[in-house]
Amino acid sequence: MEDTLAKVQKSFESAFGIDPQTVTIESTPADIPEWDSMGHVVLASSLESAFGLTFEVEELMEMEDVKKIVEVVESKLERAECVQV
């Protein structure tokens, strides 16, 4: 989870130009003013680039806070590994 969180933090830095260390597993959109509806789209693009993934609309809707982002990303990475095996 820590490796995933670190990449998520870097995605926040890329998307919003903020210090990645200010983003924690407990962070929510209320903690990051740039993380509004348009910011969510920019963040999703940054996450897709960082992890080499493509998110479905339902997954994007689930990503309500950093903890959920980490969960969704890890779940997709696990499924991708299963498909490659």
Protein backbone atom coordinates (compact mmCIF):
# COMPACT_ATOMS: atom_id res chain seq x y z
CA MET A 1 0.00 0.00 0.00
CA GLU A 2 2.86 2.41 0.76
CA ASP A 3 4.25 2.18 -2.78
CA THR A 4 0.78 2.81 -4.19
CA LEU A 5 0.24 5.73 -1.82
CA ALA A 6 3.57 7.27 -2.86
CA LYS A 7 2.57 7.10 -6.54
CA VAL A 8 -0.86 8.53 -5.71
CA GLN A 9 0.83 11.38 -3.85
CA LYS A 10 3.01 12.07 -6.91
CA SER A 11 -0.13 12.06 -9.05
CA PHE A 12 -1.61 14.77 -6.81
CA GLU A 13 1.61 16.75 -7.22
CA SER A 14 1.42 16.36 -11.00
CA ALA A 15 -2.29 17.20 -11.18
CA PHE A 16 -2.41 20.09 -8.72
CA GLY A 17 1.17 21.27 -8.20
CA ILE A 18 1.01 20.61 -4.48
CA ASP A 19 3.57 19.11 -2.12
CA PRO A 20 2.94 15.34 -2.29
CA GLN A 21 3.75 15.01 1.43
CA THR A 22 0.60 17.03 2.23
CA VAL A 23 -1.50 14.20 0.78
CA THR A 24 -2.17 11.41 3.26
CA ILE A 25 -4.27 8.25 3.22
CA GLU A 26 -6.89 10.25 5.15
CA SER A 27 -7.02 13.19 2.69
CA THR A 28 -10.38 14.12 1.17
CA PRO A 29 -11.41 16.71 -1.40
CA ALA A 30 -12.22 19.04 1.52
CA ASP A 31 -8.49 19.04 2.37
CA ILE A 32 -7.33 19.91 -1.16
CA PRO A 33 -9.09 22.95 -2.67
CA GLU A 34 -7.98 22.08 -6.22
CA TRP A 35 -9.71 18.69 -5.97
CA ASP A 36 -13.10 19.74 -7.32
CA SER A 37 -15.08 18.08 -10.12
CA MET A 38 -12.74 19.31 -12.86
CA GLY A 39 -9.73 18.62 -10.69
CA HIS A 40 -10.94 15.04 -10.30
CA VAL A 41 -10.73 14.59 -14.07
CA VAL A 42 -7.17 15.98 -14.11
CA LEU A 43 -6.25 13.75 -11.16
CA ALA A 44 -7.73 10.69 -12.89
CA SER A 45 -5.60 11.37 -15.96
CA SER A 46 -2.51 11.73 -13.77
CA LEU A 47 -3.32 8.46 -11.99
CA GLU A 48 -3.85 6.64 -15.29
CA SER A 49 -0.45 7.82 -16.51
CA ALA A 50 1.31 6.95 -13.26
CA PHE A 51 -0.08 3.42 -13.04
CA GLY A 52 -0.63 2.56 -16.71
CA LEU A 53 -4.32 1.99 -16.06
CA THR A 54 -7.63 3.10 -17.52
CA PHE A 55 -10.49 3.77 -15.13
CA GLU A 56 -14.15 3.11 -15.78
CA VAL A 57 -16.68 5.81 -14.86
CA GLU A 58 -17.91 3.70 -11.92
CA GLU A 59 -14.37 3.48 -10.56
CA LEU A 60 -13.88 7.22 -10.88
CA MET A 61 -17.11 7.77 -8.96
CA GLU A 62 -15.82 5.50 -6.16
CA MET A 63 -12.67 7.58 -5.74
CA GLU A 64 -14.10 9.87 -3.06
CA ASP A 65 -10.92 10.15 -0.97
CA VAL A 66 -7.28 9.07 -1.05
CA LYS A 67 -7.94 5.82 0.80
CA LYS A 68 -10.52 4.80 -1.79
CA ILE A 69 -8.21 5.83 -4.65
CA VAL A 70 -5.51 3.52 -3.25
CA GLU A 71 -8.04 0.68 -2.91
CA VAL A 72 -9.35 1.08 -6.47
CA VAL A 73 -5.83 1.31 -7.94
CA GLU A 74 -4.59 -1.74 -6.03
CA SER A 75 -7.65 -3.73 -7.05
CA LYS A 76 -7.10 -2.87 -10.71
CA LEU A 77 -3.40 -3.71 -10.49
CA GLU A 78 -4.21 -7.09 -8.93
CA ARG A 79 -6.75 -7.86 -11.69
CA ALA A 80 -4.23 -6.83 -14.34
CA GLU A 81 -1.63 -9.18 -12.82
CA CYS A 82 -4.13 -12.05 -12.86
CA VAL A 83 -4.87 -11.47 -16.53
CA GLN A 84 -1.16 -11.45 -17.42
CA VAL A 85 -0.42 -14.73 -15.61
